[in-house]
Amino acid sequence: MTMPTEHPQRLDPLLDAWGRRHALSQTRTAEIREAVLRDRGPAEERDTLPATWWLELSRQVTASIVTATAVPRTAVDRAYQAVPAATVA
């Protein structure tokens, strides 16, 4: 499948038109803002982070990286079996 090299329309006007069709009304925007401000919780909960926030974030990021980069042992074994023994150090 080939993509046309020239597009009849530019992306900016298309996005602008889409945005105008899907924009929230000022009334709906105000309702959402009020709901967010009303449901924030006590000041002491929203103005401070727990002492362990960095540790918790680091654990989540590390776990995600490990999961994303993990290679099953069987795949590693198959890769070594496919390489001639003289090239494996």
C-alpha atoms as a PDB file:
ATOM      1  CA  MET A   1       0.000   0.000   0.000  1.00  0.00           C
ATOM      2  CA  THR A   2       1.451   3.346  -0.975  1.00  0.00           C
ATOM      3  CA  MET A   3       0.714   6.685   0.600  1.00  0.00           C
ATOM      4  CA  PRO A   4       0.127   9.718  -1.595  1.00  0.00           C
ATOM      5  CA  THR A   5       3.073  12.077  -1.505  1.00  0.00           C
ATOM      6  CA  GLU A   6       0.936  15.225  -1.722  1.00  0.00           C
ATOM      7  CA  HIS A   7      -2.001  15.852   0.557  1.00  0.00           C
ATOM      8  CA  PRO A   8      -4.837  18.040  -0.667  1.00  0.00           C
ATOM      9  CA  GLN A   9      -5.244  19.654   2.767  1.00  0.00           C
ATOM     10  CA  ARG A  10      -2.892  20.728   5.508  1.00  0.00           C
ATOM     11  CA  LEU A  11      -3.238  19.167   8.954  1.00  0.00           C
ATOM     12  CA  ASP A  12      -3.590  22.414  10.934  1.00  0.00           C
ATOM     13  CA  PRO A  13      -6.931  23.473   9.393  1.00  0.00           C
ATOM     14  CA  LEU A  14      -8.288  19.942   9.823  1.00  0.00           C
ATOM     15  CA  LEU A  15      -7.305  19.867  13.495  1.00  0.00           C
ATOM     16  CA  ASP A  16      -8.706  23.354  14.008  1.00  0.00           C
ATOM     17  CA  ALA A  17     -12.066  22.348  12.530  1.00  0.00           C
ATOM     18  CA  TRP A  18     -12.157  19.167  14.621  1.00  0.00           C
ATOM     19  CA  GLY A  19     -11.349  21.162  17.753  1.00  0.00           C
ATOM     20  CA  ARG A  20     -14.164  23.624  17.107  1.00  0.00           C
ATOM     21  CA  ARG A  21     -16.660  20.771  16.643  1.00  0.00           C
ATOM     22  CA  HIS A  22     -15.574  18.985  19.854  1.00  0.00           C
ATOM     23  CA  ALA A  23     -14.791  21.911  22.154  1.00  0.00           C
ATOM     24  CA  LEU A  24     -16.494  22.022  25.536  1.00  0.00           C
ATOM     25  CA  SER A  25     -18.920  24.832  26.138  1.00  0.00           C
ATOM     26  CA  GLN A  26     -17.939  27.475  28.669  1.00  0.00           C
ATOM     27  CA  THR A  27     -20.733  26.219  30.913  1.00  0.00           C
ATOM     28  CA  ARG A  28     -19.455  22.616  30.797  1.00  0.00           C
ATOM     29  CA  THR A  29     -15.881  23.808  31.360  1.00  0.00           C
ATOM     30  CA  ALA A  30     -16.989  25.737  34.456  1.00  0.00           C
ATOM     31  CA  GLU A  31     -18.910  22.700  35.774  1.00  0.00           C
ATOM     32  CA  ILE A  32     -15.851  20.451  35.412  1.00  0.00           C
ATOM     33  CA  ARG A  33     -13.576  23.024  37.064  1.00  0.00           C
ATOM     34  CA  GLU A  34     -15.950  23.410  40.009  1.00  0.00           C
ATOM     35  CA  ALA A  35     -16.211  19.618  40.436  1.00  0.00           C
ATOM     36  CA  VAL A  36     -12.426  19.258  40.455  1.00  0.00           C
ATOM     37  CA  LEU A  37     -11.951  22.053  42.981  1.00  0.00           C
ATOM     38  CA  ARG A  38     -14.781  20.752  45.175  1.00  0.00           C
ATOM     39  CA  ASP A  39     -13.421  17.174  45.267  1.00  0.00           C
ATOM     40  CA  ARG A  40      -9.753  17.942  45.980  1.00  0.00           C
ATOM     41  CA  GLY A  41      -9.895  16.859  49.599  1.00  0.00           C
ATOM     42  CA  PRO A  42      -8.461  18.534  52.672  1.00  0.00           C
ATOM     43  CA  ALA A  43      -5.671  21.074  52.173  1.00  0.00           C
ATOM     44  CA  GLU A  44      -3.106  18.947  54.001  1.00  0.00           C
ATOM     45  CA  GLU A  45      -3.715  16.088  51.554  1.00  0.00           C
ATOM     46  CA  ARG A  46      -3.390  18.144  48.375  1.00  0.00           C
ATOM     47  CA  ASP A  47      -0.537  20.457  49.382  1.00  0.00           C
ATOM     48  CA  THR A  48       2.027  17.815  50.351  1.00  0.00           C
ATOM     49  CA  LEU A  49       3.368  14.605  48.931  1.00  0.00           C
ATOM     50  CA  PRO A  50       3.947  11.571  51.104  1.00  0.00           C
ATOM     51  CA  ALA A  51       7.553  11.103  52.194  1.00  0.00           C
ATOM     52  CA  THR A  52       7.769   7.934  50.088  1.00  0.00           C
ATOM     53  CA  TRP A  53       6.509   9.406  46.806  1.00  0.00           C
ATOM     54  CA  TRP A  54       9.881   9.177  45.045  1.00  0.00           C
ATOM     55  CA  LEU A  55      10.489   5.607  46.178  1.00  0.00           C
ATOM     56  CA  GLU A  56       7.017   4.545  45.021  1.00  0.00           C
ATOM     57  CA  LEU A  57       7.461   6.250  41.652  1.00  0.00           C
ATOM     58  CA  SER A  58      10.933   4.739  41.181  1.00  0.00           C
ATOM     59  CA  ARG A  59       9.621   1.250  41.947  1.00  0.00           C
ATOM     60  CA  GLN A  60       6.820   1.609  39.401  1.00  0.00           C
ATOM     61  CA  VAL A  61       9.144   2.941  36.704  1.00  0.00           C
ATOM     62  CA  THR A  62      11.746   0.251  37.379  1.00  0.00           C
ATOM     63  CA  ALA A  63       9.129  -2.508  37.287  1.00  0.00           C
ATOM     64  CA  SER A  64       7.815  -1.172  33.975  1.00  0.00           C
ATOM     65  CA  ILE A  65      11.294  -1.063  32.469  1.00  0.00           C
ATOM     66  CA  VAL A  66      12.124  -4.579  33.644  1.00  0.00           C
ATOM     67  CA  THR A  67       8.840  -5.911  32.286  1.00  0.00           C
ATOM     68  CA  ALA A  68       9.255  -4.149  28.958  1.00  0.00           C
ATOM     69  CA  THR A  69      12.822  -5.336  28.427  1.00  0.00           C
ATOM     70  CA  ALA A  70      12.575  -8.855  29.830  1.00  0.00           C
ATOM     71  CA  VAL A  71      13.457 -11.620  27.399  1.00  0.00           C
ATOM     72  CA  PRO A  72      12.170 -15.091  28.218  1.00  0.00           C
ATOM     73  CA  ARG A  73      14.972 -17.551  29.017  1.00  0.00           C
ATOM     74  CA  THR A  74      13.786 -19.885  26.250  1.00  0.00           C
ATOM     75  CA  ALA A  75      14.301 -17.105  23.681  1.00  0.00           C
ATOM     76  CA  VAL A  76      17.838 -16.496  24.973  1.00  0.00           C
ATOM     77  CA  ASP A  77      18.601 -20.229  24.803  1.00  0.00           C
ATOM     78  CA  ARG A  78      17.272 -20.453  21.239  1.00  0.00           C
ATOM     79  CA  ALA A  79      19.366 -17.455  20.205  1.00  0.00           C
ATOM     80  CA  TYR A  80      22.547 -19.071  21.546  1.00  0.00           C
ATOM     81  CA  GLN A  81      21.693 -22.369  19.856  1.00  0.00           C
ATOM     82  CA  ALA A  82      21.360 -20.589  16.520  1.00  0.00           C
ATOM     83  CA  VAL A  83      24.833 -19.019  16.760  1.00  0.00           C
ATOM     84  CA  PRO A  84      27.857 -21.221  15.954  1.00  0.00           C
ATOM     85  CA  ALA A  85      29.863 -22.064  19.094  1.00  0.00           C
ATOM     86  CA  ALA A  86      33.021 -20.349  17.777  1.00  0.00           C
ATOM     87  CA  THR A  87      31.297 -16.947  17.814  1.00  0.00           C
ATOM     88  CA  VAL A  88      29.841 -17.221  21.332  1.00  0.00           C
ATOM     89  CA  ALA A  89      32.250 -15.831  23.893  1.00  0.00           C
END
